[in-house]
Structures are given as structure tokens and as C-alpha cells.
């Protein structure tokens, strides 16, 4: 039994199980051996066997308080085994992610607003609008050409 305790502390769960089998072969009513084997099986994530061993320890336990504690362990382990047995619920499909920034329709509206500002002679406001479009979409060639045209006109001192 002492070797089982040492093996359990060292995490040598196969040794715990081998020694536990030897002990229970000699003394099938050894509650502590069943508890230690259950702990080793649990650590190895063999929950059904750990549950079986824990139930055997509970059946053999004479002390009421220890028996009650074993029952709570059994209940927790039963819940774990049942959860693992349930098929995973299918995940709901993720909604299509909306692309970052404005849509093409919104970009077109911004461009048209910039053109309207240009037509009204509000060159600096038009330049700001086209720059705003380029900040959101650096590859927008229409906004780039419009900005260059407006900036060129501003530099030439053109105001309409």
C-alpha cells in the first residue's frame, strides 16, 4: 500500500494500477486500494473504469462520512462520463463577416459627394472627401485621380 501511495504521488499511474491489482487480488475488500486505483484511472482519463473502482470503494466503505464523500465523487464522475458520452451539439453557422469599412455603394456615394463639392467650387472640401475615400480604400483609382485633379486646381489658385 505504501508503494501505491508513492507511485501515486510520483504520477506513475500504471504502477499504481499494477500494485492495486496485486493488493485487491489478496484482499478484495481493501477500500484504500480501490480509491487509489480510481485516482490513477481518473488521472489517466479512463473515467468509466475510475467510476467502477470508485463504486467498489463506496460499496466496501464502512465509515459513514467517508461513504458520503465517496458518493459525492461518484456523482461528479457520473456527470463527467455522461457529458463525454453525449455527442457534441452542432455549432450554429457563423454569420458571414461583413467586410471592414464601407460597402461599394457607400464608397460610390462618398465619391459622388466629392464630385458635387468640386462642382460647387468647394475644392478643399472635395479634396478632403477624396482623401477620406483613399484612407478607407487606398486602391481606389477614381478617388486618387479626382484628388490629384482637385489638388492641381488648388495649387494653380483656381477657385470657381
C-alpha atoms as a PDB file:
ATOM      1  CA  UNK A   1       0.000   0.000   0.000  1.00  0.00           C
ATOM      2  CA  UNK A   2       2.863   2.374   0.768  1.00  0.00           C
ATOM      3  CA  UNK A   3       4.353   1.726  -2.678  1.00  0.00           C
ATOM      4  CA  UNK A   4       0.986   2.596  -4.227  1.00  0.00           C
ATOM      5  CA  UNK A   5       0.951   5.901  -2.349  1.00  0.00           C
ATOM      6  CA  UNK A   6       4.480   6.747  -3.522  1.00  0.00           C
ATOM      7  CA  UNK A   7       3.671   5.795  -7.119  1.00  0.00           C
ATOM      8  CA  UNK A   8       0.506   7.905  -6.996  1.00  0.00           C
ATOM      9  CA  UNK A   9       2.423  10.948  -5.720  1.00  0.00           C
ATOM     10  CA  UNK A  10       5.064  10.468  -8.432  1.00  0.00           C
ATOM     11  CA  UNK A  11       2.411  10.212 -11.129  1.00  0.00           C
ATOM     12  CA  UNK A  12       3.323   6.644 -12.058  1.00  0.00           C
ATOM     13  CA  UNK A  13      -0.296   5.627 -12.604  1.00  0.00           C
ATOM     14  CA  UNK A  14       0.474   2.338 -14.358  1.00  0.00           C
ATOM     15  CA  UNK A  15       2.447   1.224 -11.304  1.00  0.00           C
ATOM     16  CA  UNK A  16      -0.428   2.256  -9.031  1.00  0.00           C
ATOM     17  CA  UNK A  17      -2.801   0.122 -11.093  1.00  0.00           C
ATOM     18  CA  UNK A  18      -0.429  -2.864 -11.138  1.00  0.00           C
ATOM     19  CA  UNK A  19       0.111  -2.699  -7.370  1.00  0.00           C
ATOM     20  CA  UNK A  20      -3.608  -2.125  -6.783  1.00  0.00           C
ATOM     21  CA  UNK A  21      -4.440  -5.250  -8.753  1.00  0.00           C
ATOM     22  CA  UNK A  22      -1.999  -7.216  -6.609  1.00  0.00           C
ATOM     23  CA  UNK A  23      -3.460  -5.836  -3.370  1.00  0.00           C
ATOM     24  CA  UNK A  24      -7.087  -6.435  -4.374  1.00  0.00           C
ATOM     25  CA  UNK A  25      -6.217  -9.958  -5.536  1.00  0.00           C
ATOM     26  CA  UNK A  26      -5.023 -10.673  -1.984  1.00  0.00           C
ATOM     27  CA  UNK A  27      -7.675  -8.540  -0.239  1.00  0.00           C
ATOM     28  CA  UNK A  28     -10.680  -7.696  -2.448  1.00  0.00           C
ATOM     29  CA  UNK A  29     -12.223  -5.616   0.373  1.00  0.00           C
ATOM     30  CA  UNK A  30      -9.307  -3.148   0.624  1.00  0.00           C
ATOM     31  CA  UNK A  31     -11.104   0.189   0.250  1.00  0.00           C
ATOM     32  CA  UNK A  32      -7.922   2.250   0.077  1.00  0.00           C
ATOM     33  CA  UNK A  33      -6.564   0.188  -2.827  1.00  0.00           C
ATOM     34  CA  UNK A  34      -9.789   0.782  -4.769  1.00  0.00           C
ATOM     35  CA  UNK A  35      -9.623   4.532  -4.013  1.00  0.00           C
ATOM     36  CA  UNK A  36      -6.024   4.781  -5.198  1.00  0.00           C
ATOM     37  CA  UNK A  37      -6.738   2.785  -8.333  1.00  0.00           C
ATOM     38  CA  UNK A  38      -9.682   5.070  -9.013  1.00  0.00           C
ATOM     39  CA  UNK A  39      -7.442   8.130  -8.612  1.00  0.00           C
ATOM     40  CA  UNK A  40      -4.888   6.647 -11.048  1.00  0.00           C
ATOM     41  CA  UNK A  41      -7.587   5.782 -13.589  1.00  0.00           C
ATOM     42  CA  UNK A  42      -9.043   9.273 -13.280  1.00  0.00           C
ATOM     43  CA  UNK A  43      -5.605  10.807 -13.857  1.00  0.00           C
ATOM     44  CA  UNK A  44      -5.260   8.641 -16.983  1.00  0.00           C
ATOM     45  CA  UNK A  45      -8.680   9.957 -18.093  1.00  0.00           C
ATOM     46  CA  UNK A  46     -10.181   6.459 -18.059  1.00  0.00           C
ATOM     47  CA  UNK A  47     -13.347   7.752 -16.415  1.00  0.00           C
ATOM     48  CA  UNK A  48     -15.589   4.673 -16.814  1.00  0.00           C
ATOM     49  CA  UNK A  49     -13.032   2.406 -15.101  1.00  0.00           C
ATOM     50  CA  UNK A  50     -12.350   5.069 -12.468  1.00  0.00           C
ATOM     51  CA  UNK A  51     -16.090   5.176 -11.768  1.00  0.00           C
ATOM     52  CA  UNK A  52     -16.262   1.388 -11.453  1.00  0.00           C
ATOM     53  CA  UNK A  53     -13.371   1.375  -8.988  1.00  0.00           C
ATOM     54  CA  UNK A  54     -14.869   4.269  -7.021  1.00  0.00           C
ATOM     55  CA  UNK A  55     -18.212   2.472  -6.779  1.00  0.00           C
ATOM     56  CA  UNK A  56     -16.420  -0.606  -5.444  1.00  0.00           C
ATOM     57  CA  UNK A  57     -14.708   1.537  -2.798  1.00  0.00           C
ATOM     58  CA  UNK A  58     -18.077   3.083  -1.875  1.00  0.00           C
ATOM     59  CA  UNK A  59     -19.671  -0.352  -1.553  1.00  0.00           C
ATOM     60  CA  UNK A  60     -16.897  -1.529   0.773  1.00  0.00           C
ATOM     61  CA  UNK A  61     -16.535   1.673   2.852  1.00  0.00           C
ATOM     62  CA  UNK A  62     -17.845   1.298   6.412  1.00  0.00           C
ATOM     63  CA  UNK A  63     -17.380   4.835   7.755  1.00  0.00           C
ATOM     64  CA  UNK A  64     -20.488   6.976   7.066  1.00  0.00           C
ATOM     65  CA  UNK A  65     -18.653  10.276   6.453  1.00  0.00           C
ATOM     66  CA  UNK A  66     -16.148   8.666   4.067  1.00  0.00           C
ATOM     67  CA  UNK A  67     -19.027   6.847   2.350  1.00  0.00           C
ATOM     68  CA  UNK A  68     -20.879  10.163   1.876  1.00  0.00           C
ATOM     69  CA  UNK A  69     -17.754  11.778   0.417  1.00  0.00           C
ATOM     70  CA  UNK A  70     -17.259   8.862  -1.973  1.00  0.00           C
ATOM     71  CA  UNK A  71     -20.884   9.220  -3.077  1.00  0.00           C
ATOM     72  CA  UNK A  72     -20.289  12.877  -4.000  1.00  0.00           C
ATOM     73  CA  UNK A  73     -17.208  11.847  -6.014  1.00  0.00           C
ATOM     74  CA  UNK A  74     -19.269   9.177  -7.767  1.00  0.00           C
ATOM     75  CA  UNK A  75     -21.990  11.695  -8.644  1.00  0.00           C
ATOM     76  CA  UNK A  76     -19.430  14.098 -10.096  1.00  0.00           C
ATOM     77  CA  UNK A  77     -17.762  11.342 -12.089  1.00  0.00           C
ATOM     78  CA  UNK A  78     -21.118  10.089 -13.404  1.00  0.00           C
ATOM     79  CA  UNK A  79     -21.835  13.610 -14.692  1.00  0.00           C
ATOM     80  CA  UNK A  80     -18.435  13.716 -16.370  1.00  0.00           C
ATOM     81  CA  UNK A  81     -18.921  10.317 -18.023  1.00  0.00           C
ATOM     82  CA  UNK A  82     -22.408  11.300 -19.239  1.00  0.00           C
ATOM     83  CA  UNK A  83     -21.138  14.589 -20.690  1.00  0.00           C
ATOM     84  CA  UNK A  84     -18.384  12.785 -22.557  1.00  0.00           C
ATOM     85  CA  UNK A  85     -20.871  10.256 -23.915  1.00  0.00           C
ATOM     86  CA  UNK A  86     -23.179  12.945 -25.331  1.00  0.00           C
ATOM     87  CA  UNK A  87     -22.490  13.899 -28.915  1.00  0.00           C
ATOM     88  CA  UNK A  88     -21.362  17.470 -29.216  1.00  0.00           C
ATOM     89  CA  UNK A  89     -24.169  19.778 -30.233  1.00  0.00           C
ATOM     90  CA  UNK A  90     -23.604  21.175 -33.704  1.00  0.00           C
ATOM     91  CA  UNK A  91     -22.399  24.722 -33.644  1.00  0.00           C
ATOM     92  CA  UNK A  92     -24.678  27.234 -35.315  1.00  0.00           C
ATOM     93  CA  UNK A  93     -23.209  28.601 -38.522  1.00  0.00           C
ATOM     94  CA  UNK A  94     -21.361  31.839 -38.132  1.00  0.00           C
ATOM     95  CA  UNK A  95     -22.875  34.781 -39.921  1.00  0.00           C
ATOM     96  CA  UNK A  96     -20.894  35.951 -42.902  1.00  0.00           C
ATOM     97  CA  UNK A  97     -18.476  38.574 -41.658  1.00  0.00           C
ATOM     98  CA  UNK A  98     -19.196  41.988 -43.059  1.00  0.00           C
ATOM     99  CA  UNK A  99     -16.144  43.407 -44.730  1.00  0.00           C
ATOM    100  CA  UNK A 100     -14.413  46.156 -42.834  1.00  0.00           C
ATOM    101  CA  UNK A 101     -15.251  49.667 -43.880  1.00  0.00           C
ATOM    102  CA  UNK A 102     -17.992  50.991 -46.110  1.00  0.00           C
ATOM    103  CA  UNK A 103     -19.661  48.934 -48.828  1.00  0.00           C
ATOM    104  CA  UNK A 104     -19.096  49.692 -52.524  1.00  0.00           C
ATOM    105  CA  UNK A 105     -22.434  51.535 -52.607  1.00  0.00           C
ATOM    106  CA  UNK A 106     -21.353  53.725 -49.671  1.00  0.00           C
ATOM    107  CA  UNK A 107     -17.986  54.378 -51.361  1.00  0.00           C
ATOM    108  CA  UNK A 108     -19.799  55.442 -54.538  1.00  0.00           C
ATOM    109  CA  UNK A 109     -21.963  57.860 -52.523  1.00  0.00           C
ATOM    110  CA  UNK A 110     -18.851  59.379 -50.931  1.00  0.00           C
ATOM    111  CA  UNK A 111     -17.247  59.760 -54.363  1.00  0.00           C
ATOM    112  CA  UNK A 112     -20.363  61.446 -55.746  1.00  0.00           C
ATOM    113  CA  UNK A 113     -20.412  63.791 -52.739  1.00  0.00           C
ATOM    114  CA  UNK A 114     -16.797  64.710 -53.535  1.00  0.00           C
ATOM    115  CA  UNK A 115     -17.717  65.386 -57.180  1.00  0.00           C
ATOM    116  CA  UNK A 116     -20.657  67.559 -56.070  1.00  0.00           C
ATOM    117  CA  UNK A 117     -18.355  69.568 -53.787  1.00  0.00           C
ATOM    118  CA  UNK A 118     -15.933  70.016 -56.706  1.00  0.00           C
ATOM    119  CA  UNK A 119     -18.748  71.148 -58.991  1.00  0.00           C
ATOM    120  CA  UNK A 120     -19.787  73.738 -56.387  1.00  0.00           C
ATOM    121  CA  UNK A 121     -16.236  75.100 -56.318  1.00  0.00           C
ATOM    122  CA  UNK A 122     -15.629  73.890 -52.768  1.00  0.00           C
ATOM    123  CA  UNK A 123     -12.222  72.489 -53.692  1.00  0.00           C
ATOM    124  CA  UNK A 124     -10.714  71.972 -50.238  1.00  0.00           C
ATOM    125  CA  UNK A 125     -13.852  70.120 -49.073  1.00  0.00           C
ATOM    126  CA  UNK A 126     -13.800  67.995 -52.242  1.00  0.00           C
ATOM    127  CA  UNK A 127     -10.109  67.210 -51.643  1.00  0.00           C
ATOM    128  CA  UNK A 128     -10.919  66.189 -48.075  1.00  0.00           C
ATOM    129  CA  UNK A 129     -13.720  63.895 -49.321  1.00  0.00           C
ATOM    130  CA  UNK A 130     -11.477  62.169 -51.878  1.00  0.00           C
ATOM    131  CA  UNK A 131      -8.725  61.815 -49.257  1.00  0.00           C
ATOM    132  CA  UNK A 132     -11.258  60.238 -46.897  1.00  0.00           C
ATOM    133  CA  UNK A 133     -12.126  57.691 -49.592  1.00  0.00           C
ATOM    134  CA  UNK A 134      -8.444  56.902 -50.107  1.00  0.00           C
ATOM    135  CA  UNK A 135      -7.935  56.488 -46.358  1.00  0.00           C
ATOM    136  CA  UNK A 136     -10.625  53.797 -46.389  1.00  0.00           C
ATOM    137  CA  UNK A 137      -9.637  52.276 -49.750  1.00  0.00           C
ATOM    138  CA  UNK A 138      -6.076  53.117 -50.816  1.00  0.00           C
ATOM    139  CA  UNK A 139      -6.563  51.220 -54.101  1.00  0.00           C
ATOM    140  CA  UNK A 140      -9.447  53.445 -55.269  1.00  0.00           C
ATOM    141  CA  UNK A 141      -8.021  54.864 -58.504  1.00  0.00           C
ATOM    142  CA  UNK A 142     -11.036  57.092 -59.232  1.00  0.00           C
ATOM    143  CA  UNK A 143     -10.653  58.879 -55.902  1.00  0.00           C
ATOM    144  CA  UNK A 144      -6.873  59.138 -56.428  1.00  0.00           C
ATOM    145  CA  UNK A 145      -7.270  60.788 -59.859  1.00  0.00           C
ATOM    146  CA  UNK A 146     -10.011  63.108 -58.557  1.00  0.00           C
ATOM    147  CA  UNK A 147      -7.831  64.141 -55.596  1.00  0.00           C
ATOM    148  CA  UNK A 148      -4.895  64.857 -57.925  1.00  0.00           C
ATOM    149  CA  UNK A 149      -7.132  66.960 -60.200  1.00  0.00           C
ATOM    150  CA  UNK A 150      -8.515  68.956 -57.243  1.00  0.00           C
ATOM    151  CA  UNK A 151      -5.070  69.449 -55.699  1.00  0.00           C
ATOM    152  CA  UNK A 152      -3.697  70.598 -59.050  1.00  0.00           C
ATOM    153  CA  UNK A 153      -6.503  73.126 -59.387  1.00  0.00           C
ATOM    154  CA  UNK A 154      -5.977  74.367 -55.806  1.00  0.00           C
ATOM    155  CA  UNK A 155      -2.249  74.818 -56.492  1.00  0.00           C
ATOM    156  CA  UNK A 156      -2.980  76.814 -59.614  1.00  0.00           C
ATOM    157  CA  UNK A 157      -5.103  79.076 -57.498  1.00  0.00           C
ATOM    158  CA  UNK A 158      -8.251  78.037 -59.215  1.00  0.00           C
ATOM    159  CA  UNK A 159     -11.428  78.696 -57.469  1.00  0.00           C
ATOM    160  CA  UNK A 160     -14.600  78.620 -59.341  1.00  0.00           C
END
